[in-house]
Amino acid sequence: MKRTFLAILGAVAFAALGLTAYAANGRGNAKLTLNGKTVTVDYGKPALKGRKVEDLLGQLSAGQVWRLGADKSTTFTTTGDLKFGDVTVPKGEYSLWAEKEADGSWKLVFNKQHGQWGTDHDAAQDLASVPLKVETSKKSAETVEITLEKENGAGEISVAWGTMELSANFN
């Protein structure tokens, strides 16, 4: 009985090590409290490692999505309803994606599934999408950085990688 228990414990430990090695990127977290609502984002932090973000994301065709990070899907949680322009995102937990448009612009996509592997996007589960402002930063971010900040009484979500910065305001 003791040997069986030790064998099972060893197999579980080996599997856990394998999963950890497979998801080798670090994780990042952002948090903001705005008007009594708490918003959090949990995401993977891939690194450029000498590559250019334009080459990595430039391969996406119009209508394709980027998981806004690495490994497990990026998770967006809000304790209250949020307004992104005309779009309302109800309180809850979602996966976040960025969808590339034909004109090179981007949309932020809220998907009702969350916790799945970051390449498993089911468009049928998309709840809403909002336009993202695209800017070029003078400072390059080696890893993906997602921030939540207060700006002029509203909130702002920003995604930076390389010299690309995508952002949207909400309240």
N, C-alpha and C. Protein backbone atom coordinates (compact mmCIF):
# COMPACT_ATOMS: atom_id res chain seq x y z
N MET A 1 0.83 -1.19 0.00
CA MET A 1 0.00 0.00 0.00
C MET A 1 0.87 1.25 0.00
N LYS A 2 1.93 1.23 0.83
CA LYS A 2 2.82 2.38 0.92
C LYS A 2 3.54 2.61 -0.41
N ARG A 3 3.97 1.53 -1.07
CA ARG A 3 4.65 1.64 -2.36
C ARG A 3 3.70 2.21 -3.43
N THR A 4 2.46 1.77 -3.41
CA THR A 4 1.48 2.27 -4.38
C THR A 4 1.27 3.77 -4.17
N PHE A 5 1.13 4.18 -2.92
CA PHE A 5 0.95 5.60 -2.61
C PHE A 5 2.15 6.40 -3.08
N LEU A 6 3.36 5.94 -2.82
CA LEU A 6 4.57 6.65 -3.24
C LEU A 6 4.68 6.70 -4.77
N ALA A 7 4.27 5.63 -5.45
CA ALA A 7 4.31 5.62 -6.91
C ALA A 7 3.33 6.64 -7.48
N ILE A 8 2.13 6.71 -6.90
CA ILE A 8 1.14 7.68 -7.35
C ILE A 8 1.62 9.10 -7.07
N LEU A 9 2.16 9.32 -5.89
CA LEU A 9 2.68 10.64 -5.52
C LEU A 9 3.80 11.06 -6.47
N GLY A 10 4.68 10.14 -6.82
CA GLY A 10 5.76 10.43 -7.76
C GLY A 10 5.24 10.77 -9.14
N ALA A 11 4.23 10.05 -9.60
CA ALA A 11 3.65 10.31 -10.92
C ALA A 11 2.99 11.68 -10.96
N VAL A 12 2.30 12.05 -9.89
CA VAL A 12 1.65 13.37 -9.81
C VAL A 12 2.71 14.46 -9.82
N ALA A 13 3.76 14.29 -9.06
CA ALA A 13 4.84 15.29 -9.02
C ALA A 13 5.50 15.42 -10.39
N PHE A 14 5.74 14.31 -11.07
CA PHE A 14 6.34 14.34 -12.40
C PHE A 14 5.44 15.07 -13.39
N ALA A 15 4.14 14.80 -13.34
CA ALA A 15 3.19 15.47 -14.24
C ALA A 15 3.16 16.97 -13.95
N ALA A 16 3.17 17.35 -12.68
CA ALA A 16 3.16 18.78 -12.32
C ALA A 16 4.41 19.47 -12.83
N LEU A 17 5.55 18.82 -12.73
CA LEU A 17 6.80 19.39 -13.26
C LEU A 17 6.72 19.56 -14.77
N GLY A 18 6.15 18.59 -15.45
CA GLY A 18 6.01 18.67 -16.90
C GLY A 18 5.13 19.83 -17.31
N LEU A 19 4.02 20.04 -16.61
CA LEU A 19 3.13 21.15 -16.92
C LEU A 19 3.80 22.48 -16.65
N THR A 20 4.57 22.57 -15.58
CA THR A 20 5.27 23.81 -15.26
C THR A 20 6.30 24.13 -16.33
N ALA A 21 7.01 23.13 -16.80
CA ALA A 21 8.01 23.36 -17.85
C ALA A 21 7.34 23.77 -19.16
N TYR A 22 6.15 23.21 -19.44
CA TYR A 22 5.45 23.53 -20.67
C TYR A 22 5.00 24.98 -20.67
N ALA A 23 4.55 25.48 -19.52
CA ALA A 23 4.12 26.87 -19.37
C ALA A 23 5.28 27.66 -18.77
N ALA A 24 6.30 27.89 -19.57
CA ALA A 24 7.56 28.44 -19.07
C ALA A 24 7.58 29.96 -18.91
N ASN A 25 6.59 30.66 -19.43
CA ASN A 25 6.57 32.11 -19.31
C ASN A 25 6.08 32.51 -17.92
N GLY A 26 6.58 33.64 -17.44
CA GLY A 26 6.10 34.16 -16.17
C GLY A 26 4.67 34.66 -16.31
N ARG A 27 4.04 34.95 -15.19
CA ARG A 27 2.68 35.49 -15.18
C ARG A 27 2.72 36.91 -14.66
N GLY A 28 1.80 37.72 -15.12
CA GLY A 28 1.65 39.09 -14.65
C GLY A 28 0.23 39.32 -14.18
N ASN A 29 0.07 40.30 -13.30
CA ASN A 29 -1.24 40.66 -12.78
C ASN A 29 -1.38 42.16 -12.75
N ALA A 30 -2.56 42.64 -13.07
CA ALA A 30 -2.87 44.06 -12.96
C ALA A 30 -4.18 44.17 -12.18
N LYS A 31 -4.30 45.22 -11.37
CA LYS A 31 -5.51 45.39 -10.55
C LYS A 31 -5.83 46.87 -10.43
N LEU A 32 -7.12 47.18 -10.46
CA LEU A 32 -7.58 48.57 -10.32
C LEU A 32 -8.94 48.56 -9.65
N THR A 33 -9.14 49.48 -8.71
CA THR A 33 -10.46 49.71 -8.14
C THR A 33 -10.93 51.06 -8.64
N LEU A 34 -12.10 51.06 -9.28
CA LEU A 34 -12.65 52.26 -9.89
C LEU A 34 -14.13 52.34 -9.56
N ASN A 35 -14.52 53.41 -8.89
CA ASN A 35 -15.93 53.62 -8.53
C ASN A 35 -16.53 52.40 -7.83
N GLY A 36 -15.77 51.81 -6.91
CA GLY A 36 -16.24 50.67 -6.13
C GLY A 36 -16.17 49.33 -6.83
N LYS A 37 -15.71 49.31 -8.08
CA LYS A 37 -15.58 48.06 -8.84
C LYS A 37 -14.11 47.68 -8.92
N THR A 38 -13.83 46.41 -8.70
CA THR A 38 -12.46 45.92 -8.81
C THR A 38 -12.30 45.19 -10.13
N VAL A 39 -11.25 45.57 -10.86
CA VAL A 39 -10.94 44.97 -12.15
C VAL A 39 -9.56 44.34 -12.04
N THR A 40 -9.42 43.10 -12.48
CA THR A 40 -8.11 42.43 -12.47
C THR A 40 -7.86 41.76 -13.81
N VAL A 41 -6.58 41.65 -14.15
CA VAL A 41 -6.16 40.94 -15.35
C VAL A 41 -4.99 40.03 -14.96
N ASP A 42 -5.08 38.76 -15.33
CA ASP A 42 -4.00 37.79 -15.12
C ASP A 42 -3.57 37.31 -16.50
N TYR A 43 -2.26 37.38 -16.78
CA TYR A 43 -1.79 37.10 -18.15
C TYR A 43 -0.39 36.51 -18.14
N GLY A 44 -0.07 35.80 -19.23
CA GLY A 44 1.27 35.28 -19.44
C GLY A 44 2.16 36.36 -20.03
N LYS A 45 3.46 36.30 -19.77
CA LYS A 45 4.40 37.33 -20.19
C LYS A 45 5.46 36.79 -21.14
N PRO A 46 5.11 36.60 -22.42
CA PRO A 46 6.14 36.15 -23.36
C PRO A 46 7.18 37.25 -23.56
N ALA A 47 8.39 36.84 -23.92
CA ALA A 47 9.49 37.79 -24.16
C ALA A 47 9.82 37.83 -25.64
N LEU A 48 10.30 38.96 -26.09
CA LEU A 48 10.69 39.11 -27.49
C LEU A 48 11.93 38.29 -27.83
N LYS A 49 12.89 38.23 -26.92
CA LYS A 49 14.12 37.45 -27.11
C LYS A 49 14.78 37.75 -28.47
N GLY A 50 14.95 39.06 -28.76
CA GLY A 50 15.62 39.47 -29.97
C GLY A 50 14.71 39.57 -31.19
N ARG A 51 13.46 39.14 -31.05
CA ARG A 51 12.52 39.22 -32.16
C ARG A 51 11.83 40.58 -32.15
N LYS A 52 11.08 40.89 -33.19
CA LYS A 52 10.32 42.13 -33.25
C LYS A 52 8.83 41.80 -33.17
N VAL A 53 8.11 42.58 -32.39
CA VAL A 53 6.68 42.35 -32.23
C VAL A 53 5.96 42.47 -33.58
N GLU A 54 6.47 43.33 -34.45
CA GLU A 54 5.86 43.48 -35.77
C GLU A 54 5.93 42.17 -36.56
N ASP A 55 7.04 41.44 -36.40
CA ASP A 55 7.18 40.16 -37.09
C ASP A 55 6.27 39.10 -36.46
N LEU A 56 6.16 39.10 -35.13
CA LEU A 56 5.36 38.10 -34.45
C LEU A 56 3.86 38.29 -34.69
N LEU A 57 3.38 39.51 -34.49
CA LEU A 57 1.95 39.77 -34.64
C LEU A 57 1.58 40.16 -36.06
N GLY A 58 2.57 40.54 -36.85
CA GLY A 58 2.32 40.89 -38.24
C GLY A 58 1.89 39.70 -39.07
N GLN A 59 2.13 38.48 -38.55
CA GLN A 59 1.74 37.27 -39.25
C GLN A 59 0.24 37.02 -39.18
N LEU A 60 -0.45 37.72 -38.27
CA LEU A 60 -1.89 37.52 -38.13
C LEU A 60 -2.63 38.16 -39.30
N SER A 61 -3.60 37.46 -39.81
CA SER A 61 -4.46 37.99 -40.87
C SER A 61 -5.65 38.70 -40.24
N ALA A 62 -6.34 39.50 -41.01
CA ALA A 62 -7.55 40.18 -40.53
C ALA A 62 -8.52 39.14 -39.98
N GLY A 63 -9.07 39.42 -38.82
CA GLY A 63 -10.02 38.51 -38.18
C GLY A 63 -9.38 37.50 -37.25
N GLN A 64 -8.06 37.38 -37.26
CA GLN A 64 -7.38 36.46 -36.34
C GLN A 64 -7.15 37.16 -35.01
N VAL A 65 -7.04 36.35 -33.95
CA VAL A 65 -6.88 36.91 -32.60
C VAL A 65 -5.53 36.55 -32.00
N TRP A 66 -5.09 37.43 -31.10
CA TRP A 66 -3.90 37.22 -30.27
C TRP A 66 -4.39 37.09 -28.85
N ARG A 67 -3.82 36.17 -28.11
CA ARG A 67 -4.29 35.88 -26.75
C ARG A 67 -3.84 36.91 -25.71
N LEU A 68 -3.17 37.96 -26.12
CA LEU A 68 -2.69 39.02 -25.22
C LEU A 68 -1.78 38.48 -24.13
N GLY A 69 -0.93 37.59 -24.48
CA GLY A 69 0.00 37.03 -23.51
C GLY A 69 0.53 35.70 -24.01
N ALA A 70 0.71 34.78 -23.08
CA ALA A 70 1.24 33.46 -23.41
C ALA A 70 0.60 32.42 -22.52
N ASP A 71 0.72 31.17 -22.95
CA ASP A 71 0.27 30.02 -22.18
C ASP A 71 -1.24 30.07 -21.96
N LYS A 72 -1.70 29.96 -20.72
CA LYS A 72 -3.12 30.00 -20.41
C LYS A 72 -3.71 31.34 -20.88
N SER A 73 -4.97 31.33 -21.29
CA SER A 73 -5.59 32.56 -21.78
C SER A 73 -5.52 33.68 -20.73
N THR A 74 -5.51 34.91 -21.22
CA THR A 74 -5.53 36.08 -20.35
C THR A 74 -6.92 36.19 -19.73
N THR A 75 -6.98 36.34 -18.40
CA THR A 75 -8.25 36.38 -17.69
C THR A 75 -8.54 37.79 -17.18
N PHE A 76 -9.71 38.30 -17.53
CA PHE A 76 -10.19 39.62 -17.13
C PHE A 76 -11.37 39.41 -16.18
N THR A 77 -11.31 40.01 -15.00
CA THR A 77 -12.38 39.87 -14.01
C THR A 77 -12.83 41.25 -13.56
N THR A 78 -14.14 41.44 -13.47
CA THR A 78 -14.69 42.69 -12.95
C THR A 78 -15.82 42.38 -11.97
N THR A 79 -15.85 43.13 -10.85
CA THR A 79 -16.89 42.93 -9.84
C THR A 79 -18.14 43.77 -10.12
N GLY A 80 -18.10 44.57 -11.18
CA GLY A 80 -19.26 45.37 -11.56
C GLY A 80 -19.28 45.57 -13.06
N ASP A 81 -20.45 45.96 -13.58
CA ASP A 81 -20.57 46.22 -15.02
C ASP A 81 -19.64 47.37 -15.42
N LEU A 82 -19.01 47.25 -16.58
CA LEU A 82 -18.12 48.29 -17.10
C LEU A 82 -18.61 48.75 -18.46
N LYS A 83 -18.40 50.04 -18.75
CA LYS A 83 -18.75 50.60 -20.06
C LYS A 83 -17.46 50.94 -20.80
N PHE A 84 -17.33 50.37 -21.98
CA PHE A 84 -16.25 50.68 -22.91
C PHE A 84 -16.93 51.40 -24.07
N GLY A 85 -17.02 52.73 -24.00
CA GLY A 85 -17.77 53.47 -25.01
C GLY A 85 -19.23 53.06 -24.94
N ASP A 86 -19.80 52.56 -26.05
CA ASP A 86 -21.20 52.14 -26.10
C ASP A 86 -21.40 50.70 -25.65
N VAL A 87 -20.32 49.99 -25.37
CA VAL A 87 -20.39 48.56 -25.06
C VAL A 87 -20.35 48.34 -23.55
N THR A 88 -21.29 47.55 -23.04
CA THR A 88 -21.30 47.19 -21.62
C THR A 88 -20.76 45.78 -21.46
N VAL A 89 -19.80 45.63 -20.57
CA VAL A 89 -19.27 44.31 -20.20
C VAL A 89 -19.80 44.03 -18.79
N PRO A 90 -20.71 43.05 -18.66
CA PRO A 90 -21.28 42.74 -17.34
C PRO A 90 -20.23 42.20 -16.37
N LYS A 91 -20.50 42.38 -15.08
CA LYS A 91 -19.57 41.83 -14.09
C LYS A 91 -19.39 40.35 -14.35
N GLY A 92 -18.18 39.87 -14.12
CA GLY A 92 -17.90 38.46 -14.37
C GLY A 92 -16.45 38.23 -14.73
N GLU A 93 -16.19 37.05 -15.26
CA GLU A 93 -14.83 36.64 -15.62
C GLU A 93 -14.81 36.23 -17.09
N TYR A 94 -13.82 36.73 -17.82
CA TYR A 94 -13.73 36.54 -19.26
C TYR A 94 -12.28 36.27 -19.66
N SER A 95 -12.10 35.70 -20.85
CA SER A 95 -10.76 35.70 -21.43
C SER A 95 -10.70 36.90 -22.36
N LEU A 96 -9.50 37.48 -22.50
CA LEU A 96 -9.28 38.66 -23.33
C LEU A 96 -8.46 38.29 -24.55
N TRP A 97 -8.81 38.88 -25.67
CA TRP A 97 -8.13 38.64 -26.93
C TRP A 97 -8.02 39.96 -27.68
N ALA A 98 -7.07 40.08 -28.56
CA ALA A 98 -6.99 41.24 -29.45
C ALA A 98 -7.18 40.71 -30.86
N GLU A 99 -8.15 41.28 -31.57
CA GLU A 99 -8.43 40.86 -32.93
C GLU A 99 -7.90 41.89 -33.91
N LYS A 100 -7.14 41.41 -34.88
CA LYS A 100 -6.57 42.28 -35.90
C LYS A 100 -7.61 42.56 -36.98
N GLU A 101 -7.74 43.81 -37.36
CA GLU A 101 -8.67 44.22 -38.40
C GLU A 101 -7.94 44.34 -39.74
N ALA A 102 -8.69 44.36 -40.82
CA ALA A 102 -8.12 44.44 -42.16
C ALA A 102 -7.28 45.69 -42.37
N ASP A 103 -7.65 46.79 -41.70
CA ASP A 103 -6.92 48.05 -41.87
C ASP A 103 -5.72 48.18 -40.93
N GLY A 104 -5.41 47.10 -40.18
CA GLY A 104 -4.27 47.12 -39.27
C GLY A 104 -4.62 47.57 -37.86
N SER A 105 -5.88 47.98 -37.64
CA SER A 105 -6.29 48.37 -36.29
C SER A 105 -6.59 47.10 -35.48
N TRP A 106 -6.89 47.28 -34.20
CA TRP A 106 -7.14 46.15 -33.29
C TRP A 106 -8.42 46.38 -32.51
N LYS A 107 -9.07 45.28 -32.12
CA LYS A 107 -10.23 45.31 -31.22
C LYS A 107 -9.92 44.44 -30.01
N LEU A 108 -10.41 44.87 -28.85
CA LEU A 108 -10.31 44.09 -27.62
C LEU A 108 -11.56 43.22 -27.55
N VAL A 109 -11.37 41.90 -27.43
CA VAL A 109 -12.48 40.95 -27.45
C VAL A 109 -12.63 40.31 -26.07
N PHE A 110 -13.85 40.34 -25.54
CA PHE A 110 -14.19 39.69 -24.27
C PHE A 110 -14.91 38.39 -24.62
N ASN A 111 -14.35 37.27 -24.16
CA ASN A 111 -14.89 35.96 -24.47
C ASN A 111 -15.41 35.32 -23.18
N LYS A 112 -16.59 34.69 -23.24
CA LYS A 112 -17.23 34.12 -22.05
C LYS A 112 -16.47 32.93 -21.47
N GLN A 113 -15.61 32.29 -22.27
CA GLN A 113 -14.79 31.20 -21.73
C GLN A 113 -13.55 31.80 -21.10
N HIS A 114 -13.02 31.15 -20.09
CA HIS A 114 -11.76 31.59 -19.48
C HIS A 114 -11.08 30.39 -18.85
N GLY A 115 -9.77 30.49 -18.73
CA GLY A 115 -9.00 29.39 -18.14
C GLY A 115 -8.50 28.38 -19.16
N GLN A 116 -8.96 28.49 -20.41
CA GLN A 116 -8.52 27.56 -21.44
C GLN A 116 -7.10 27.90 -21.89
N TRP A 117 -6.47 26.99 -22.62
CA TRP A 117 -5.16 27.26 -23.19
C TRP A 117 -5.32 28.45 -24.13
N GLY A 118 -4.32 29.31 -24.18
CA GLY A 118 -4.42 30.57 -24.88
C GLY A 118 -4.58 30.53 -26.38
N THR A 119 -4.47 29.38 -26.99
CA THR A 119 -4.71 29.31 -28.44
C THR A 119 -6.10 28.75 -28.75
N ASP A 120 -6.87 28.43 -27.71
CA ASP A 120 -8.20 27.82 -27.89
C ASP A 120 -9.30 28.87 -27.84
N HIS A 121 -9.33 29.75 -28.81
CA HIS A 121 -10.35 30.80 -28.88
C HIS A 121 -11.56 30.29 -29.64
N ASP A 122 -12.72 30.36 -29.00
CA ASP A 122 -13.98 29.97 -29.63
C ASP A 122 -14.77 31.25 -29.89
N ALA A 123 -14.77 31.72 -31.12
CA ALA A 123 -15.43 32.98 -31.47
C ALA A 123 -16.93 32.96 -31.15
N ALA A 124 -17.54 31.79 -31.11
CA ALA A 124 -18.96 31.70 -30.78
C ALA A 124 -19.22 32.13 -29.33
N GLN A 125 -18.18 32.14 -28.51
CA GLN A 125 -18.30 32.54 -27.11
C GLN A 125 -17.95 34.01 -26.87
N ASP A 126 -17.64 34.76 -27.95
CA ASP A 126 -17.32 36.18 -27.79
C ASP A 126 -18.54 36.94 -27.30
N LEU A 127 -18.36 37.72 -26.25
CA LEU A 127 -19.43 38.52 -25.67
C LEU A 127 -19.50 39.90 -26.32
N ALA A 128 -18.34 40.53 -26.44
CA ALA A 128 -18.30 41.90 -26.94
C ALA A 128 -16.90 42.21 -27.43
N SER A 129 -16.80 43.25 -28.27
CA SER A 129 -15.49 43.74 -28.69
C SER A 129 -15.54 45.27 -28.73
N VAL A 130 -14.40 45.87 -28.44
CA VAL A 130 -14.29 47.33 -28.44
C VAL A 130 -13.02 47.73 -29.19
N PRO A 131 -13.05 48.89 -29.86
CA PRO A 131 -11.86 49.33 -30.58
C PRO A 131 -10.71 49.65 -29.61
N LEU A 132 -9.51 49.35 -30.05
CA LEU A 132 -8.32 49.68 -29.29
C LEU A 132 -7.57 50.82 -29.97
N LYS A 133 -7.06 51.72 -29.18
CA LYS A 133 -6.20 52.78 -29.68
C LYS A 133 -4.81 52.16 -29.87
N VAL A 134 -4.19 52.40 -31.00
CA VAL A 134 -2.87 51.85 -31.30
C VAL A 134 -1.85 52.99 -31.30
N GLU A 135 -0.79 52.83 -30.51
CA GLU A 135 0.26 53.83 -30.46
C GLU A 135 1.62 53.14 -30.54
N THR A 136 2.62 53.91 -30.92
CA THR A 136 4.00 53.43 -30.92
C THR A 136 4.71 54.10 -29.76
N SER A 137 5.30 53.27 -28.90
CA SER A 137 6.00 53.78 -27.72
C SER A 137 7.48 54.00 -28.05
N LYS A 138 8.08 55.00 -27.42
CA LYS A 138 9.52 55.24 -27.60
C LYS A 138 10.33 54.22 -26.82
N LYS A 139 9.72 53.67 -25.76
CA LYS A 139 10.39 52.67 -24.93
C LYS A 139 9.86 51.29 -25.31
N SER A 140 10.77 50.34 -25.53
CA SER A 140 10.38 48.99 -25.91
C SER A 140 10.18 48.11 -24.68
N ALA A 141 9.07 47.35 -24.65
CA ALA A 141 8.79 46.41 -23.56
C ALA A 141 9.24 45.01 -24.01
N GLU A 142 10.21 44.43 -23.33
CA GLU A 142 10.73 43.11 -23.68
C GLU A 142 9.67 42.03 -23.50
N THR A 143 8.87 42.13 -22.42
CA THR A 143 7.79 41.18 -22.18
C THR A 143 6.45 41.90 -22.29
N VAL A 144 5.39 41.16 -22.52
CA VAL A 144 4.06 41.75 -22.55
C VAL A 144 3.77 42.35 -21.17
N GLU A 145 3.28 43.58 -21.17
CA GLU A 145 2.91 44.27 -19.93
C GLU A 145 1.49 44.78 -20.08
N ILE A 146 0.58 44.32 -19.22
CA ILE A 146 -0.79 44.81 -19.21
C ILE A 146 -0.98 45.62 -17.95
N THR A 147 -1.46 46.85 -18.11
CA THR A 147 -1.68 47.72 -16.97
C THR A 147 -3.12 48.19 -16.92
N LEU A 148 -3.58 48.47 -15.73
CA LEU A 148 -4.87 49.08 -15.47
C LEU A 148 -4.60 50.35 -14.68
N GLU A 149 -5.06 51.49 -15.18
CA GLU A 149 -4.78 52.76 -14.51
C GLU A 149 -6.01 53.65 -14.53
N LYS A 150 -6.05 54.57 -13.57
CA LYS A 150 -7.08 55.61 -13.57
C LYS A 150 -6.58 56.75 -14.42
N GLU A 151 -7.48 57.26 -15.29
CA GLU A 151 -7.12 58.37 -16.15
C GLU A 151 -8.35 59.26 -16.34
N ASN A 152 -8.27 60.49 -15.83
CA ASN A 152 -9.37 61.46 -15.95
C ASN A 152 -10.71 60.90 -15.46
N GLY A 153 -10.71 60.25 -14.30
CA GLY A 153 -11.92 59.72 -13.71
C GLY A 153 -12.42 58.42 -14.31
N ALA A 154 -11.74 57.91 -15.31
CA ALA A 154 -12.11 56.64 -15.94
C ALA A 154 -10.96 55.65 -15.76
N GLY A 155 -11.16 54.44 -16.22
CA GLY A 155 -10.10 53.45 -16.20
C GLY A 155 -9.52 53.29 -17.59
N GLU A 156 -8.29 52.80 -17.64
CA GLU A 156 -7.65 52.51 -18.92
C GLU A 156 -6.95 51.17 -18.82
N ILE A 157 -7.19 50.31 -19.80
CA ILE A 157 -6.43 49.07 -19.93
C ILE A 157 -5.44 49.29 -21.06
N SER A 158 -4.19 48.92 -20.80
CA SER A 158 -3.14 49.12 -21.79
C SER A 158 -2.32 47.84 -21.92
N VAL A 159 -2.02 47.48 -23.16
CA VAL A 159 -1.19 46.31 -23.45
C VAL A 159 0.03 46.80 -24.22
N ALA A 160 1.21 46.58 -23.67
CA ALA A 160 2.44 47.00 -24.33
C ALA A 160 3.32 45.79 -24.60
N TRP A 161 3.90 45.77 -25.80
CA TRP A 161 4.88 44.74 -26.16
C TRP A 161 5.72 45.30 -27.28
N GLY A 162 7.03 45.22 -27.12
CA GLY A 162 7.91 45.88 -28.07
C GLY A 162 7.59 47.36 -28.02
N THR A 163 7.43 47.99 -29.18
CA THR A 163 7.08 49.41 -29.21
C THR A 163 5.58 49.61 -29.47
N MET A 164 4.81 48.51 -29.51
CA MET A 164 3.37 48.61 -29.74
C MET A 164 2.63 48.77 -28.42
N GLU A 165 1.68 49.70 -28.39
CA GLU A 165 0.83 49.86 -27.24
C GLU A 165 -0.62 49.95 -27.70
N LEU A 166 -1.46 49.09 -27.13
CA LEU A 166 -2.89 49.06 -27.40
C LEU A 166 -3.61 49.48 -26.13
N SER A 167 -4.66 50.32 -26.26
CA SER A 167 -5.35 50.75 -25.04
C SER A 167 -6.82 51.04 -25.32
N ALA A 168 -7.60 50.99 -24.24
CA ALA A 168 -9.04 51.32 -24.29
C ALA A 168 -9.43 51.89 -22.93
N ASN A 169 -10.36 52.83 -22.94
CA ASN A 169 -10.87 53.44 -21.71
C ASN A 169 -12.19 52.81 -21.32
N PHE A 170 -12.48 52.82 -20.02
CA PHE A 170 -13.73 52.26 -19.51
C PHE A 170 -14.15 53.00 -18.24
N ASN A 171 -15.41 52.88 -17.88
CA ASN A 171 -15.88 53.38 -16.58
C ASN A 171 -17.04 52.54 -16.10
